[in-house]
């Protein structure tokens, strides 16, 4: 599960407050950054790495395990 709240918190600490700013900082299209920022889509692969680097967290930390996944 994608942790959008963590993304927003980390982004705010870096001065990133809008999807357009995230797009510029992470080298993404505005549409892709908007989907990630709003939770319409989760970052995958190289997008996750770029987003994580732009906001100063690890790509793995963007995802949280649900209780079902943790029990498996």
Protein backbone atom coordinates (compact mmCIF):
# COMPACT_ATOMS: atom_id res chain seq x y z
CA UNK A 1 0.00 0.00 0.00
CA UNK A 2 1.29 3.45 -0.99
CA UNK A 3 1.81 5.94 1.89
CA UNK A 4 0.74 9.27 0.40
CA UNK A 5 0.76 11.00 3.80
CA UNK A 6 4.48 10.23 4.17
CA UNK A 7 5.14 11.56 0.69
CA UNK A 8 3.33 14.81 1.50
CA UNK A 9 5.12 15.22 4.84
CA UNK A 10 8.56 14.58 3.34
CA UNK A 11 7.81 16.82 0.36
CA UNK A 12 6.72 19.68 2.61
CA UNK A 13 10.04 19.43 4.47
CA UNK A 14 11.78 19.95 1.12
CA UNK A 15 9.50 22.86 0.18
CA UNK A 16 7.50 20.84 -2.33
CA UNK A 17 3.85 21.77 -1.93
CA UNK A 18 2.22 21.01 -5.28
CA UNK A 19 2.24 18.24 -7.88
CA UNK A 20 3.86 20.65 -10.35
CA UNK A 21 6.77 21.21 -7.95
CA UNK A 22 7.10 17.44 -7.47
CA UNK A 23 7.14 16.99 -11.24
CA UNK A 24 9.99 19.50 -11.62
CA UNK A 25 12.04 18.13 -8.72
CA UNK A 26 11.58 14.45 -9.66
CA UNK A 27 11.80 14.86 -13.43
CA UNK A 28 8.29 13.53 -14.02
CA UNK A 29 5.51 14.72 -16.27
CA UNK A 30 2.99 16.93 -14.55
CA UNK A 31 0.27 14.32 -15.13
CA UNK A 32 2.32 11.55 -13.53
CA UNK A 33 3.23 13.72 -10.54
CA UNK A 34 -0.43 14.70 -10.11
CA UNK A 35 -1.52 11.04 -10.06
CA UNK A 36 1.15 10.19 -7.47
CA UNK A 37 0.45 13.31 -5.37
CA UNK A 38 -3.33 12.78 -5.28
CA UNK A 39 -3.18 9.02 -4.78
CA UNK A 40 -4.81 8.15 -8.11
CA UNK A 41 -1.76 6.03 -8.85
CA UNK A 42 1.20 4.82 -6.85
CA UNK A 43 4.77 5.40 -8.03
CA UNK A 44 6.37 2.30 -9.47
CA UNK A 45 9.93 1.46 -10.42
CA UNK A 46 12.00 4.40 -11.59
CA UNK A 47 9.20 6.84 -10.73
CA UNK A 48 9.29 5.68 -7.10
CA UNK A 49 13.05 6.13 -7.02
CA UNK A 50 12.84 9.64 -8.49
CA UNK A 51 10.03 10.72 -6.16
CA UNK A 52 11.81 9.31 -3.12
CA UNK A 53 15.07 11.05 -4.03
CA UNK A 54 13.27 14.35 -4.64
CA UNK A 55 11.63 14.30 -1.20
CA UNK A 56 14.58 12.78 0.68
CA UNK A 57 13.25 9.36 1.68
CA UNK A 58 13.87 5.81 0.52
CA UNK A 59 11.70 4.36 -2.22
CA UNK A 60 10.79 1.44 0.06
CA UNK A 61 9.42 3.82 2.69
CA UNK A 62 6.77 5.04 0.23
CA UNK A 63 4.95 1.77 0.79
CA UNK A 64 3.37 0.46 3.97
CA UNK A 65 2.36 -3.11 4.50
CA UNK A 66 -1.26 -3.78 5.27
CA UNK A 67 -2.16 -6.10 8.16
CA UNK A 68 -3.01 -8.85 5.64
CA UNK A 69 0.36 -8.52 3.88
CA UNK A 70 2.21 -8.51 7.21
CA UNK A 71 0.49 -11.74 8.28
CA UNK A 72 1.36 -13.56 5.05
